[in-house]
Amino acid sequence: MQFLGIKFTLFVVFSLLFSACDKGPPIPEEKFIKVYVDLLIIQDTTISKISSLDSVKTLVFSRHDISSEQYDETIDYYNSQPEKWTVFFDSATAYVEYLKKAAEKQP
């Protein structure tokens, strides 16, 4: 009987260790940055032409080949670890600056 108790304890410990591992977000950060920035840009520049935020999301998600579930799960991932938002927003800001410089170089 004590052997079963040890097996159960080991099972619980390994289960907790496995579940505690950070699997990361469903959408890799580099791709999520592009999705997030595209959403902001399209929202700000075409909102009068597109009737709803859902339409904007559908367009962007299709462009990046992701689902709304993946997007929502990625948002949940970052919300569960708020310190990761800081790094994310710094990277997103750098990406916006890159896009801005690239646009300035075009005639």
PDB file of N, CA and C in Angstrom:
ATOM      1  N   MET A   1       0.826  -1.197   0.000  1.00  0.00           N
ATOM      2  CA  MET A   1       0.000   0.000   0.000  1.00  0.00           C
ATOM      3  C   MET A   1       0.871   1.263   0.000  1.00  0.00           C
ATOM      4  N   GLN A   2       1.995   1.220   0.719  1.00  0.00           N
ATOM      5  CA  GLN A   2       2.875   2.377   0.770  1.00  0.00           C
ATOM      6  C   GLN A   2       3.491   2.644  -0.608  1.00  0.00           C
ATOM      7  N   PHE A   3       3.717   1.588  -1.377  1.00  0.00           N
ATOM      8  CA  PHE A   3       4.249   1.723  -2.725  1.00  0.00           C
ATOM      9  C   PHE A   3       3.311   2.558  -3.596  1.00  0.00           C
ATOM     10  N   LEU A   4       1.991   2.348  -3.472  1.00  0.00           N
ATOM     11  CA  LEU A   4       1.018   3.139  -4.228  1.00  0.00           C
ATOM     12  C   LEU A   4       1.068   4.606  -3.814  1.00  0.00           C
ATOM     13  N   GLY A   5       1.283   4.856  -2.531  1.00  0.00           N
ATOM     14  CA  GLY A   5       1.390   6.235  -2.048  1.00  0.00           C
ATOM     15  C   GLY A   5       2.594   6.934  -2.649  1.00  0.00           C
ATOM     16  N   ILE A   6       3.697   6.229  -2.771  1.00  0.00           N
ATOM     17  CA  ILE A   6       4.908   6.803  -3.363  1.00  0.00           C
ATOM     18  C   ILE A   6       4.667   7.072  -4.855  1.00  0.00           C
ATOM     19  N   LYS A   7       4.046   6.120  -5.538  1.00  0.00           N
ATOM     20  CA  LYS A   7       3.755   6.307  -6.960  1.00  0.00           C
ATOM     21  C   LYS A   7       2.826   7.503  -7.164  1.00  0.00           C
ATOM     22  N   PHE A   8       1.825   7.615  -6.307  1.00  0.00           N
ATOM     23  CA  PHE A   8       0.893   8.738  -6.422  1.00  0.00           C
ATOM     24  C   PHE A   8       1.621  10.054  -6.183  1.00  0.00           C
ATOM     25  N   THR A   9       2.468  10.100  -5.166  1.00  0.00           N
ATOM     26  CA  THR A   9       3.221  11.320  -4.852  1.00  0.00           C
ATOM     27  C   THR A   9       4.122  11.696  -6.019  1.00  0.00           C
ATOM     28  N   LEU A  10       4.814  10.722  -6.590  1.00  0.00           N
ATOM     29  CA  LEU A  10       5.667  11.001  -7.749  1.00  0.00           C
ATOM     30  C   LEU A  10       4.846  11.496  -8.932  1.00  0.00           C
ATOM     31  N   PHE A  11       3.695  10.891  -9.133  1.00  0.00           N
ATOM     32  CA  PHE A  11       2.813  11.316 -10.213  1.00  0.00           C
ATOM     33  C   PHE A  11       2.400  12.780 -10.032  1.00  0.00           C
ATOM     34  N   VAL A  12       2.021  13.143  -8.829  1.00  0.00           N
ATOM     35  CA  VAL A  12       1.597  14.519  -8.547  1.00  0.00           C
ATOM     36  C   VAL A  12       2.761  15.486  -8.761  1.00  0.00           C
ATOM     37  N   VAL A  13       3.932  15.135  -8.267  1.00  0.00           N
ATOM     38  CA  VAL A  13       5.107  16.013  -8.399  1.00  0.00           C
ATOM     39  C   VAL A  13       5.450  16.220  -9.874  1.00  0.00           C
ATOM     40  N   PHE A  14       5.503  15.130 -10.640  1.00  0.00           N
ATOM     41  CA  PHE A  14       5.822  15.263 -12.063  1.00  0.00           C
ATOM     42  C   PHE A  14       4.732  15.999 -12.825  1.00  0.00           C
ATOM     43  N   SER A  15       3.506  15.804 -12.451  1.00  0.00           N
ATOM     44  CA  SER A  15       2.406  16.531 -13.093  1.00  0.00           C
ATOM     45  C   SER A  15       2.531  18.024 -12.852  1.00  0.00           C
ATOM     46  N   LEU A  16       2.856  18.391 -11.631  1.00  0.00           N
ATOM     47  CA  LEU A  16       3.024  19.812 -11.312  1.00  0.00           C
ATOM     48  C   LEU A  16       4.216  20.406 -12.042  1.00  0.00           C
ATOM     49  N   LEU A  17       5.303  19.666 -12.092  1.00  0.00           N
ATOM     50  CA  LEU A  17       6.477  20.158 -12.807  1.00  0.00           C
ATOM     51  C   LEU A  17       6.188  20.325 -14.291  1.00  0.00           C
ATOM     52  N   PHE A  18       5.506  19.363 -14.865  1.00  0.00           N
ATOM     53  CA  PHE A  18       5.179  19.437 -16.278  1.00  0.00           C
ATOM     54  C   PHE A  18       4.257  20.600 -16.575  1.00  0.00           C
ATOM     55  N   SER A  19       3.250  20.793 -15.748  1.00  0.00           N
ATOM     56  CA  SER A  19       2.294  21.875 -15.993  1.00  0.00           C
ATOM     57  C   SER A  19       2.895  23.243 -15.713  1.00  0.00           C
ATOM     58  N   ALA A  20       3.945  23.284 -14.896  1.00  0.00           N
ATOM     59  CA  ALA A  20       4.572  24.559 -14.566  1.00  0.00           C
ATOM     60  C   ALA A  20       5.527  25.031 -15.651  1.00  0.00           C
ATOM     61  N   CYS A  21       5.899  24.144 -16.566  1.00  0.00           N
ATOM     62  CA  CYS A  21       6.804  24.517 -17.641  1.00  0.00           C
ATOM     63  C   CYS A  21       6.139  25.562 -18.526  1.00  0.00           C
ATOM     64  N   ASP A  22       6.901  26.585 -18.871  1.00  0.00           N
ATOM     65  CA  ASP A  22       6.400  27.655 -19.721  1.00  0.00           C
ATOM     66  C   ASP A  22       6.450  27.187 -21.165  1.00  0.00           C
ATOM     67  N   LYS A  23       5.297  26.873 -21.709  1.00  0.00           N
ATOM     68  CA  LYS A  23       5.224  26.400 -23.086  1.00  0.00           C
ATOM     69  C   LYS A  23       5.322  27.560 -24.065  1.00  0.00           C
ATOM     70  N   GLY A  24       5.134  28.751 -23.603  1.00  0.00           N
ATOM     71  CA  GLY A  24       5.164  29.907 -24.474  1.00  0.00           C
ATOM     72  C   GLY A  24       3.806  30.142 -25.110  1.00  0.00           C
ATOM     73  N   PRO A  25       3.675  31.276 -25.764  1.00  0.00           N
ATOM     74  CA  PRO A  25       2.396  31.615 -26.396  1.00  0.00           C
ATOM     75  C   PRO A  25       2.188  30.811 -27.670  1.00  0.00           C
ATOM     76  N   PRO A  26       0.924  30.619 -28.069  1.00  0.00           N
ATOM     77  CA  PRO A  26       0.634  29.900 -29.317  1.00  0.00           C
ATOM     78  C   PRO A  26       1.220  30.593 -30.551  1.00  0.00           C
ATOM     79  N   ILE A  27       1.276  31.910 -30.521  1.00  0.00           N
ATOM     80  CA  ILE A  27       1.867  32.667 -31.634  1.00  0.00           C
ATOM     81  C   ILE A  27       3.236  33.153 -31.154  1.00  0.00           C
ATOM     82  N   PRO A  28       4.301  32.815 -31.861  1.00  0.00           N
ATOM     83  CA  PRO A  28       5.635  33.281 -31.455  1.00  0.00           C
ATOM     84  C   PRO A  28       5.671  34.812 -31.374  1.00  0.00           C
ATOM     85  N   GLU A  29       6.488  35.318 -30.453  1.00  0.00           N
ATOM     86  CA  GLU A  29       6.501  36.761 -30.190  1.00  0.00           C
ATOM     87  C   GLU A  29       6.761  37.591 -31.439  1.00  0.00           C
ATOM     88  N   GLU A  30       7.721  37.197 -32.259  1.00  0.00           N
ATOM     89  CA  GLU A  30       8.043  37.982 -33.458  1.00  0.00           C
ATOM     90  C   GLU A  30       6.833  38.114 -34.387  1.00  0.00           C
ATOM     91  N   LYS A  31       6.112  37.034 -34.562  1.00  0.00           N
ATOM     92  CA  LYS A  31       4.911  37.062 -35.410  1.00  0.00           C
ATOM     93  C   LYS A  31       3.791  37.838 -34.726  1.00  0.00           C
ATOM     94  N   PHE A  32       3.645  37.657 -33.416  1.00  0.00           N
ATOM     95  CA  PHE A  32       2.594  38.344 -32.678  1.00  0.00           C
ATOM     96  C   PHE A  32       2.796  39.858 -32.737  1.00  0.00           C
ATOM     97  N   ILE A  33       4.032  40.306 -32.704  1.00  0.00           N
ATOM     98  CA  ILE A  33       4.328  41.737 -32.823  1.00  0.00           C
ATOM     99  C   ILE A  33       3.781  42.265 -34.148  1.00  0.00           C
ATOM    100  N   LYS A  34       4.039  41.543 -35.218  1.00  0.00           N
ATOM    101  CA  LYS A  34       3.572  41.974 -36.544  1.00  0.00           C
ATOM    102  C   LYS A  34       2.050  41.981 -36.618  1.00  0.00           C
ATOM    103  N   VAL A  35       1.422  40.972 -36.043  1.00  0.00           N
ATOM    104  CA  VAL A  35      -0.043  40.902 -36.020  1.00  0.00           C
ATOM    105  C   VAL A  35      -0.602  42.085 -35.244  1.00  0.00           C
ATOM    106  N   TYR A  36      -0.059  42.305 -34.059  1.00  0.00           N
ATOM    107  CA  TYR A  36      -0.542  43.368 -33.176  1.00  0.00           C
ATOM    108  C   TYR A  36      -0.385  44.749 -33.827  1.00  0.00           C
ATOM    109  N   VAL A  37       0.779  44.992 -34.415  1.00  0.00           N
ATOM    110  CA  VAL A  37       1.026  46.281 -35.066  1.00  0.00           C
ATOM    111  C   VAL A  37       0.124  46.437 -36.290  1.00  0.00           C
ATOM    112  N   ASP A  38      -0.036  45.375 -37.065  1.00  0.00           N
ATOM    113  CA  ASP A  38      -0.950  45.449 -38.213  1.00  0.00           C
ATOM    114  C   ASP A  38      -2.372  45.789 -37.767  1.00  0.00           C
ATOM    115  N   LEU A  39      -2.808  45.178 -36.684  1.00  0.00           N
ATOM    116  CA  LEU A  39      -4.154  45.488 -36.168  1.00  0.00           C
ATOM    117  C   LEU A  39      -4.274  46.969 -35.828  1.00  0.00           C
ATOM    118  N   LEU A  40      -3.268  47.499 -35.155  1.00  0.00           N
ATOM    119  CA  LEU A  40      -3.297  48.917 -34.782  1.00  0.00           C
ATOM    120  C   LEU A  40      -3.285  49.824 -36.005  1.00  0.00           C
ATOM    121  N   ILE A  41      -2.426  49.521 -36.950  1.00  0.00           N
ATOM    122  CA  ILE A  41      -2.316  50.358 -38.143  1.00  0.00           C
ATOM    123  C   ILE A  41      -3.610  50.330 -38.958  1.00  0.00           C
ATOM    124  N   ILE A  42      -4.127  49.141 -39.208  1.00  0.00           N
ATOM    125  CA  ILE A  42      -5.357  49.035 -39.998  1.00  0.00           C
ATOM    126  C   ILE A  42      -6.526  49.690 -39.276  1.00  0.00           C
ATOM    127  N   GLN A  43      -6.577  49.487 -37.970  1.00  0.00           N
ATOM    128  CA  GLN A  43      -7.658  50.116 -37.188  1.00  0.00           C
ATOM    129  C   GLN A  43      -7.601  51.632 -37.291  1.00  0.00           C
ATOM    130  N   ASP A  44      -6.395  52.172 -37.177  1.00  0.00           N
ATOM    131  CA  ASP A  44      -6.248  53.626 -37.177  1.00  0.00           C
ATOM    132  C   ASP A  44      -6.388  54.253 -38.564  1.00  0.00           C
ATOM    133  N   THR A  45      -6.066  53.505 -39.600  1.00  0.00           N
ATOM    134  CA  THR A  45      -6.072  54.109 -40.929  1.00  0.00           C
ATOM    135  C   THR A  45      -7.297  53.778 -41.764  1.00  0.00           C
ATOM    136  N   THR A  46      -8.036  52.725 -41.412  1.00  0.00           N
ATOM    137  CA  THR A  46      -9.162  52.338 -42.265  1.00  0.00           C
ATOM    138  C   THR A  46     -10.455  52.115 -41.499  1.00  0.00           C
ATOM    139  N   ILE A  47     -10.518  52.539 -40.270  1.00  0.00           N
ATOM    140  CA  ILE A  47     -11.696  52.243 -39.451  1.00  0.00           C
ATOM    141  C   ILE A  47     -12.980  52.779 -40.082  1.00  0.00           C
ATOM    142  N   SER A  48     -12.893  53.886 -40.785  1.00  0.00           N
ATOM    143  CA  SER A  48     -14.110  54.414 -41.401  1.00  0.00           C
ATOM    144  C   SER A  48     -14.569  53.566 -42.587  1.00  0.00           C
ATOM    145  N   LYS A  49     -13.633  52.823 -43.200  1.00  0.00           N
ATOM    146  CA  LYS A  49     -13.970  51.993 -44.347  1.00  0.00           C
ATOM    147  C   LYS A  49     -14.401  50.591 -43.943  1.00  0.00           C
ATOM    148  N   ILE A  50     -13.955  50.148 -42.802  1.00  0.00           N
ATOM    149  CA  ILE A  50     -14.299  48.801 -42.334  1.00  0.00           C
ATOM    150  C   ILE A  50     -15.287  48.954 -41.186  1.00  0.00           C
ATOM    151  N   SER A  51     -16.337  48.199 -41.252  1.00  0.00           N
ATOM    152  CA  SER A  51     -17.448  48.412 -40.332  1.00  0.00           C
ATOM    153  C   SER A  51     -17.197  47.993 -38.889  1.00  0.00           C
ATOM    154  N   SER A  52     -16.312  47.041 -38.651  1.00  0.00           N
ATOM    155  CA  SER A  52     -16.156  46.593 -37.271  1.00  0.00           C
ATOM    156  C   SER A  52     -14.745  46.103 -36.992  1.00  0.00           C
ATOM    157  N   LEU A  53     -14.450  46.036 -35.720  1.00  0.00           N
ATOM    158  CA  LEU A  53     -13.162  45.509 -35.289  1.00  0.00           C
ATOM    159  C   LEU A  53     -13.025  44.044 -35.687  1.00  0.00           C
ATOM    160  N   ASP A  54     -14.121  43.310 -35.671  1.00  0.00           N
ATOM    161  CA  ASP A  54     -14.086  41.902 -36.087  1.00  0.00           C
ATOM    162  C   ASP A  54     -13.643  41.778 -37.542  1.00  0.00           C
ATOM    163  N   SER A  55     -14.076  42.684 -38.385  1.00  0.00           N
ATOM    164  CA  SER A  55     -13.659  42.658 -39.786  1.00  0.00           C
ATOM    165  C   SER A  55     -12.161  42.915 -39.903  1.00  0.00           C
ATOM    166  N   VAL A  56     -11.662  43.844 -39.107  1.00  0.00           N
ATOM    167  CA  VAL A  56     -10.233  44.150 -39.103  1.00  0.00           C
ATOM    168  C   VAL A  56      -9.455  42.924 -38.650  1.00  0.00           C
ATOM    169  N   LYS A  57      -9.906  42.303 -37.566  1.00  0.00           N
ATOM    170  CA  LYS A  57      -9.216  41.122 -37.049  1.00  0.00           C
ATOM    171  C   LYS A  57      -9.223  39.997 -38.076  1.00  0.00           C
ATOM    172  N   THR A  58     -10.350  39.763 -38.721  1.00  0.00           N
ATOM    173  CA  THR A  58     -10.444  38.704 -39.719  1.00  0.00           C
ATOM    174  C   THR A  58      -9.434  38.931 -40.839  1.00  0.00           C
ATOM    175  N   LEU A  59      -9.330  40.172 -41.297  1.00  0.00           N
ATOM    176  CA  LEU A  59      -8.384  40.522 -42.354  1.00  0.00           C
ATOM    177  C   LEU A  59      -6.941  40.255 -41.922  1.00  0.00           C
ATOM    178  N   VAL A  60      -6.580  40.734 -40.750  1.00  0.00           N
ATOM    179  CA  VAL A  60      -5.203  40.583 -40.254  1.00  0.00           C
ATOM    180  C   VAL A  60      -4.891  39.116 -39.952  1.00  0.00           C
ATOM    181  N   PHE A  61      -5.813  38.427 -39.317  1.00  0.00           N
ATOM    182  CA  PHE A  61      -5.572  37.021 -38.987  1.00  0.00           C
ATOM    183  C   PHE A  61      -5.383  36.195 -40.259  1.00  0.00           C
ATOM    184  N   SER A  62      -6.164  36.487 -41.264  1.00  0.00           N
ATOM    185  CA  SER A  62      -6.034  35.781 -42.535  1.00  0.00           C
ATOM    186  C   SER A  62      -4.670  36.067 -43.160  1.00  0.00           C
ATOM    187  N   ARG A  63      -4.264  37.314 -43.111  1.00  0.00           N
ATOM    188  CA  ARG A  63      -2.976  37.721 -43.685  1.00  0.00           C
ATOM    189  C   ARG A  63      -1.806  36.994 -43.019  1.00  0.00           C
ATOM    190  N   HIS A  64      -1.902  36.786 -41.716  1.00  0.00           N
ATOM    191  CA  HIS A  64      -0.814  36.163 -40.960  1.00  0.00           C
ATOM    192  C   HIS A  64      -1.031  34.668 -40.723  1.00  0.00           C
ATOM    193  N   ASP A  65      -2.101  34.133 -41.278  1.00  0.00           N
ATOM    194  CA  ASP A  65      -2.419  32.709 -41.170  1.00  0.00           C
ATOM    195  C   ASP A  65      -2.495  32.242 -39.711  1.00  0.00           C
ATOM    196  N   ILE A  66      -3.299  32.969 -38.927  1.00  0.00           N
ATOM    197  CA  ILE A  66      -3.551  32.586 -37.538  1.00  0.00           C
ATOM    198  C   ILE A  66      -5.059  32.575 -37.306  1.00  0.00           C
ATOM    199  N   SER A  67      -5.463  31.954 -36.219  1.00  0.00           N
ATOM    200  CA  SER A  67      -6.884  31.924 -35.875  1.00  0.00           C
ATOM    201  C   SER A  67      -7.156  32.903 -34.738  1.00  0.00           C
ATOM    202  N   SER A  68      -8.416  33.229 -34.570  1.00  0.00           N
ATOM    203  CA  SER A  68      -8.783  34.108 -33.455  1.00  0.00           C
ATOM    204  C   SER A  68      -8.517  33.417 -32.124  1.00  0.00           C
ATOM    205  N   GLU A  69      -8.634  32.090 -32.105  1.00  0.00           N
ATOM    206  CA  GLU A  69      -8.339  31.338 -30.873  1.00  0.00           C
ATOM    207  C   GLU A  69      -6.869  31.460 -30.507  1.00  0.00           C
ATOM    208  N   GLN A  70      -5.982  31.355 -31.506  1.00  0.00           N
ATOM    209  CA  GLN A  70      -4.552  31.508 -31.236  1.00  0.00           C
ATOM    210  C   GLN A  70      -4.259  32.916 -30.713  1.00  0.00           C
ATOM    211  N   TYR A  71      -4.891  33.904 -31.328  1.00  0.00           N
ATOM    212  CA  TYR A  71      -4.694  35.294 -30.895  1.00  0.00           C
ATOM    213  C   TYR A  71      -5.166  35.464 -29.446  1.00  0.00           C
ATOM    214  N   ASP A  72      -6.367  34.980 -29.160  1.00  0.00           N
ATOM    215  CA  ASP A  72      -6.904  35.107 -27.807  1.00  0.00           C
ATOM    216  C   ASP A  72      -6.040  34.374 -26.785  1.00  0.00           C
ATOM    217  N   GLU A  73      -5.553  33.192 -27.132  1.00  0.00           N
ATOM    218  CA  GLU A  73      -4.689  32.432 -26.222  1.00  0.00           C
ATOM    219  C   GLU A  73      -3.359  33.149 -26.002  1.00  0.00           C
ATOM    220  N   THR A  74      -2.859  33.810 -27.040  1.00  0.00           N
ATOM    221  CA  THR A  74      -1.614  34.567 -26.898  1.00  0.00           C
ATOM    222  C   THR A  74      -1.827  35.776 -26.004  1.00  0.00           C
ATOM    223  N   ILE A  75      -2.940  36.463 -26.170  1.00  0.00           N
ATOM    224  CA  ILE A  75      -3.271  37.583 -25.286  1.00  0.00           C
ATOM    225  C   ILE A  75      -3.376  37.075 -23.843  1.00  0.00           C
ATOM    226  N   ASP A  76      -4.043  35.949 -23.639  1.00  0.00           N
ATOM    227  CA  ASP A  76      -4.168  35.365 -22.295  1.00  0.00           C
ATOM    228  C   ASP A  76      -2.797  35.020 -21.719  1.00  0.00           C
ATOM    229  N   TYR A  77      -1.913  34.496 -22.564  1.00  0.00           N
ATOM    230  CA  TYR A  77      -0.556  34.157 -22.119  1.00  0.00           C
ATOM    231  C   TYR A  77       0.150  35.410 -21.583  1.00  0.00           C
ATOM    232  N   TYR A  78       0.103  36.489 -22.354  1.00  0.00           N
ATOM    233  CA  TYR A  78       0.768  37.722 -21.917  1.00  0.00           C
ATOM    234  C   TYR A  78       0.075  38.320 -20.696  1.00  0.00           C
ATOM    235  N   ASN A  79      -1.234  38.222 -20.629  1.00  0.00           N
ATOM    236  CA  ASN A  79      -1.945  38.735 -19.458  1.00  0.00           C
ATOM    237  C   ASN A  79      -1.606  37.944 -18.196  1.00  0.00           C
ATOM    238  N   SER A  80      -1.286  36.669 -18.354  1.00  0.00           N
ATOM    239  CA  SER A  80      -0.930  35.855 -17.195  1.00  0.00           C
ATOM    240  C   SER A  80       0.493  36.123 -16.723  1.00  0.00           C
ATOM    241  N   GLN A  81       1.272  36.796 -17.563  1.00  0.00           N
ATOM    242  CA  GLN A  81       2.654  37.138 -17.225  1.00  0.00           C
ATOM    243  C   GLN A  81       2.901  38.594 -17.623  1.00  0.00           C
ATOM    244  N   PRO A  82       2.351  39.520 -16.864  1.00  0.00           N
ATOM    245  CA  PRO A  82       2.378  40.940 -17.255  1.00  0.00           C
ATOM    246  C   PRO A  82       3.774  41.500 -17.540  1.00  0.00           C
ATOM    247  N   GLU A  83       4.793  40.948 -16.904  1.00  0.00           N
ATOM    248  CA  GLU A  83       6.145  41.446 -17.142  1.00  0.00           C
ATOM    249  C   GLU A  83       6.581  41.229 -18.595  1.00  0.00           C
ATOM    250  N   LYS A  84       5.978  40.258 -19.267  1.00  0.00           N
ATOM    251  CA  LYS A  84       6.313  39.997 -20.669  1.00  0.00           C
ATOM    252  C   LYS A  84       5.734  41.075 -21.593  1.00  0.00           C
ATOM    253  N   TRP A  85       4.681  41.758 -21.145  1.00  0.00           N
ATOM    254  CA  TRP A  85       4.119  42.843 -21.954  1.00  0.00           C
ATOM    255  C   TRP A  85       5.151  43.952 -22.170  1.00  0.00           C
ATOM    256  N   THR A  86       5.956  44.244 -21.163  1.00  0.00           N
ATOM    257  CA  THR A  86       6.955  45.308 -21.280  1.00  0.00           C
ATOM    258  C   THR A  86       7.921  45.013 -22.418  1.00  0.00           C
ATOM    259  N   VAL A  87       8.440  43.814 -22.432  1.00  0.00           N
ATOM    260  CA  VAL A  87       9.358  43.403 -23.500  1.00  0.00           C
ATOM    261  C   VAL A  87       8.634  43.426 -24.845  1.00  0.00           C
ATOM    262  N   PHE A  88       7.409  42.926 -24.852  1.00  0.00           N
ATOM    263  CA  PHE A  88       6.626  42.898 -26.077  1.00  0.00           C
ATOM    264  C   PHE A  88       6.433  44.312 -26.633  1.00  0.00           C
ATOM    265  N   PHE A  89       6.004  45.246 -25.792  1.00  0.00           N
ATOM    266  CA  PHE A  89       5.742  46.608 -26.272  1.00  0.00           C
ATOM    267  C   PHE A  89       7.020  47.311 -26.709  1.00  0.00           C
ATOM    268  N   ASP A  90       8.134  47.034 -26.042  1.00  0.00           N
ATOM    269  CA  ASP A  90       9.414  47.598 -26.499  1.00  0.00           C
ATOM    270  C   ASP A  90       9.746  47.087 -27.897  1.00  0.00           C
ATOM    271  N   SER A  91       9.543  45.801 -28.115  1.00  0.00           N
ATOM    272  CA  SER A  91       9.808  45.212 -29.432  1.00  0.00           C
ATOM    273  C   SER A  91       8.822  45.729 -30.476  1.00  0.00           C
ATOM    274  N   ALA A  92       7.566  45.882 -30.096  1.00  0.00           N
ATOM    275  CA  ALA A  92       6.552  46.398 -31.019  1.00  0.00           C
ATOM    276  C   ALA A  92       6.874  47.842 -31.414  1.00  0.00           C
ATOM    277  N   THR A  93       7.322  48.634 -30.458  1.00  0.00           N
ATOM    278  CA  THR A  93       7.696  50.020 -30.740  1.00  0.00           C
ATOM    279  C   THR A  93       8.874  50.067 -31.707  1.00  0.00           C
ATOM    280  N   ALA A  94       9.858  49.208 -31.496  1.00  0.00           N
ATOM    281  CA  ALA A  94      11.006  49.134 -32.403  1.00  0.00           C
ATOM    282  C   ALA A  94      10.556  48.731 -33.805  1.00  0.00           C
ATOM    283  N   TYR A  95       9.593  47.817 -33.896  1.00  0.00           N
ATOM    284  CA  TYR A  95       9.073  47.380 -35.195  1.00  0.00           C
ATOM    285  C   TYR A  95       8.337  48.531 -35.895  1.00  0.00           C
ATOM    286  N   VAL A  96       7.573  49.308 -35.146  1.00  0.00           N
ATOM    287  CA  VAL A  96       6.871  50.465 -35.725  1.00  0.00           C
ATOM    288  C   VAL A  96       7.889  51.476 -36.247  1.00  0.00           C
ATOM    289  N   GLU A  97       8.955  51.709 -35.489  1.00  0.00           N
ATOM    290  CA  GLU A  97      10.010  52.631 -35.937  1.00  0.00           C
ATOM    291  C   GLU A  97      10.670  52.122 -37.217  1.00  0.00           C
ATOM    292  N   TYR A  98      10.894  50.819 -37.286  1.00  0.00           N
ATOM    293  CA  TYR A  98      11.460  50.217 -38.494  1.00  0.00           C
ATOM    294  C   TYR A  98      10.531  50.451 -39.684  1.00  0.00           C
ATOM    295  N   LEU A  99       9.232  50.218 -39.497  1.00  0.00           N
ATOM    296  CA  LEU A  99       8.264  50.439 -40.574  1.00  0.00           C
ATOM    297  C   LEU A  99       8.227  51.907 -40.990  1.00  0.00           C
ATOM    298  N   LYS A 100       8.312  52.779 -40.024  1.00  0.00           N
ATOM    299  CA  LYS A 100       8.279  54.216 -40.302  1.00  0.00           C
ATOM    300  C   LYS A 100       9.488  54.618 -41.145  1.00  0.00           C
ATOM    301  N   LYS A 101      10.676  54.151 -40.778  1.00  0.00           N
ATOM    302  CA  LYS A 101      11.889  54.469 -41.537  1.00  0.00           C
ATOM    303  C   LYS A 101      11.830  53.877 -42.937  1.00  0.00           C
ATOM    304  N   ALA A 102      11.302  52.671 -43.050  1.00  0.00           N
ATOM    305  CA  ALA A 102      11.190  52.030 -44.365  1.00  0.00           C
ATOM    306  C   ALA A 102      10.227  52.831 -45.250  1.00  0.00           C
ATOM    307  N   ALA A 103       9.158  53.345 -44.665  1.00  0.00           N
ATOM    308  CA  ALA A 103       8.185  54.119 -45.435  1.00  0.00           C
ATOM    309  C   ALA A 103       8.774  55.463 -45.863  1.00  0.00           C
ATOM    310  N   GLU A 104       9.627  56.043 -45.027  1.00  0.00           N
ATOM    311  CA  GLU A 104      10.253  57.326 -45.370  1.00  0.00           C
ATOM    312  C   GLU A 104      11.240  57.191 -46.520  1.00  0.00           C
ATOM    313  N   LYS A 105      11.830  56.022 -46.683  1.00  0.00           N
ATOM    314  CA  LYS A 105      12.808  55.788 -47.751  1.00  0.00           C
ATOM    315  C   LYS A 105      12.135  55.625 -49.107  1.00  0.00           C
ATOM    316  N   GLN A 106      10.849  55.244 -49.093  1.00  0.00           N
ATOM    317  CA  GLN A 106      10.134  55.055 -50.356  1.00  0.00           C
ATOM    318  C   GLN A 106       9.761  56.413 -50.945  1.00  0.00           C
ATOM    319  N   PRO A 107       9.840  56.520 -52.287  1.00  0.00           N
ATOM    320  CA  PRO A 107       9.501  57.815 -52.918  1.00  0.00           C
ATOM    321  C   PRO A 107       8.046  58.162 -52.815  1.00  0.00           C
TER     322      PRO A 107
END
